[in-house]
Amino acid sequence: MKISNKWKNWVSILDRKNCKPCEDNHGKIYEISEKVTSSPPLHPHC
């Protein structure tokens, strides 16, 4: 896997403890400069 200074990737551990927002965002790729309305941590223990 290459490291990029232009992109960030939302990675969640998909198990039964996941919240819906973390599950929905898993695998999404954003530009570093992009403002993400919700970014980790979304909640305690995120």
N, C-alpha and C. Protein backbone atom coordinates (compact mmCIF):
# COMPACT_ATOMS: atom_id res chain seq x y z
N MET A 1 0.84 -1.17 0.00
CA MET A 1 0.00 0.00 0.00
C MET A 1 0.89 1.24 0.00
N LYS A 2 0.57 2.19 -0.87
CA LYS A 2 1.31 3.44 -0.92
C LYS A 2 0.75 4.42 0.08
N ILE A 3 1.61 5.25 0.62
CA ILE A 3 1.19 6.32 1.51
C ILE A 3 1.03 7.57 0.66
N SER A 4 -0.05 8.28 0.87
CA SER A 4 -0.32 9.48 0.08
C SER A 4 -0.46 10.69 0.99
N ASN A 5 0.03 11.82 0.52
CA ASN A 5 -0.19 13.06 1.26
C ASN A 5 -1.33 13.86 0.63
N LYS A 6 -2.08 13.22 -0.28
CA LYS A 6 -3.20 13.88 -0.94
C LYS A 6 -4.55 13.30 -0.55
N TRP A 7 -4.55 12.09 0.01
CA TRP A 7 -5.79 11.38 0.30
C TRP A 7 -5.80 10.82 1.71
N LYS A 8 -6.99 10.66 2.26
CA LYS A 8 -7.16 9.96 3.53
C LYS A 8 -8.30 8.96 3.36
N ASN A 9 -8.19 7.86 4.06
CA ASN A 9 -9.13 6.76 3.91
C ASN A 9 -9.76 6.47 5.27
N TRP A 10 -11.09 6.39 5.31
CA TRP A 10 -11.81 6.07 6.54
C TRP A 10 -11.81 4.55 6.70
N VAL A 11 -11.24 4.07 7.79
CA VAL A 11 -11.17 2.63 8.04
C VAL A 11 -11.81 2.32 9.38
N SER A 12 -12.76 1.40 9.37
CA SER A 12 -13.42 0.94 10.60
C SER A 12 -13.23 -0.56 10.73
N ILE A 13 -13.24 -1.04 11.95
CA ILE A 13 -13.26 -2.48 12.17
C ILE A 13 -14.73 -2.87 12.15
N LEU A 14 -15.09 -3.64 11.15
CA LEU A 14 -16.50 -3.99 10.97
C LEU A 14 -16.85 -5.20 11.83
N ASP A 15 -17.46 -4.92 12.96
CA ASP A 15 -17.94 -5.98 13.84
C ASP A 15 -19.27 -5.55 14.43
N ARG A 16 -19.80 -6.31 15.34
CA ARG A 16 -21.14 -6.03 15.87
C ARG A 16 -21.18 -4.79 16.75
N LYS A 17 -20.01 -4.25 17.12
CA LYS A 17 -19.96 -3.06 17.97
C LYS A 17 -20.01 -1.76 17.17
N ASN A 18 -19.92 -1.85 15.86
CA ASN A 18 -19.90 -0.65 15.03
C ASN A 18 -21.18 0.15 15.11
N CYS A 19 -21.02 1.48 15.10
CA CYS A 19 -22.19 2.34 14.97
C CYS A 19 -22.47 2.53 13.47
N LYS A 20 -23.66 2.93 13.14
CA LYS A 20 -24.07 3.10 11.74
C LYS A 20 -23.19 4.11 10.99
N PRO A 21 -22.90 5.30 11.57
CA PRO A 21 -22.05 6.25 10.84
C PRO A 21 -20.66 5.69 10.52
N CYS A 22 -20.04 4.99 11.45
CA CYS A 22 -18.72 4.41 11.19
C CYS A 22 -18.81 3.34 10.10
N GLU A 23 -19.83 2.52 10.16
CA GLU A 23 -20.04 1.48 9.16
C GLU A 23 -20.27 2.10 7.78
N ASP A 24 -21.08 3.14 7.71
CA ASP A 24 -21.39 3.79 6.43
C ASP A 24 -20.17 4.47 5.82
N ASN A 25 -19.27 4.99 6.64
CA ASN A 25 -18.10 5.71 6.14
C ASN A 25 -16.92 4.80 5.84
N HIS A 26 -16.96 3.56 6.28
CA HIS A 26 -15.85 2.63 6.07
C HIS A 26 -15.49 2.55 4.59
N GLY A 27 -14.21 2.74 4.30
CA GLY A 27 -13.72 2.62 2.93
C GLY A 27 -13.81 3.88 2.09
N LYS A 28 -14.43 4.92 2.60
CA LYS A 28 -14.53 6.16 1.84
C LYS A 28 -13.16 6.84 1.79
N ILE A 29 -12.88 7.44 0.65
CA ILE A 29 -11.60 8.12 0.44
C ILE A 29 -11.87 9.60 0.21
N TYR A 30 -11.12 10.43 0.90
CA TYR A 30 -11.30 11.88 0.83
C TYR A 30 -9.97 12.54 0.51
N GLU A 31 -10.03 13.68 -0.17
CA GLU A 31 -8.83 14.49 -0.35
C GLU A 31 -8.47 15.09 1.01
N ILE A 32 -7.19 15.24 1.28
CA ILE A 32 -6.74 15.81 2.55
C ILE A 32 -7.37 17.18 2.77
N SER A 33 -7.48 17.96 1.71
CA SER A 33 -8.01 19.32 1.82
C SER A 33 -9.53 19.37 1.99
N GLU A 34 -10.20 18.24 1.73
CA GLU A 34 -11.67 18.20 1.81
C GLU A 34 -12.12 18.25 3.27
N LYS A 35 -13.09 19.10 3.54
CA LYS A 35 -13.67 19.17 4.89
C LYS A 35 -14.74 18.09 5.00
N VAL A 36 -14.54 17.17 5.90
CA VAL A 36 -15.50 16.09 6.13
C VAL A 36 -16.35 16.51 7.32
N THR A 37 -17.67 16.51 7.14
CA THR A 37 -18.56 16.99 8.20
C THR A 37 -18.45 16.14 9.46
N SER A 38 -18.25 14.87 9.27
CA SER A 38 -18.06 13.99 10.43
C SER A 38 -16.78 13.20 10.21
N SER A 39 -15.86 13.34 11.12
CA SER A 39 -14.61 12.60 11.00
C SER A 39 -14.26 12.01 12.36
N PRO A 40 -13.49 10.94 12.35
CA PRO A 40 -13.16 10.29 13.61
C PRO A 40 -12.46 11.24 14.57
N PRO A 41 -12.67 11.13 15.82
CA PRO A 41 -13.63 10.25 16.49
C PRO A 41 -15.03 10.86 16.51
N LEU A 42 -16.00 10.06 16.17
CA LEU A 42 -17.40 10.49 16.18
C LEU A 42 -18.01 10.39 17.56
N HIS A 43 -17.47 9.50 18.38
CA HIS A 43 -18.04 9.22 19.69
C HIS A 43 -16.97 8.59 20.58
N PRO A 44 -17.22 8.47 21.87
CA PRO A 44 -16.24 7.80 22.75
C PRO A 44 -15.96 6.37 22.25
N HIS A 45 -14.74 5.96 22.34
CA HIS A 45 -14.28 4.62 21.91
C HIS A 45 -14.36 4.45 20.41
N CYS A 46 -14.42 5.54 19.67
CA CYS A 46 -14.48 5.46 18.21
C CYS A 46 -13.09 5.15 17.69
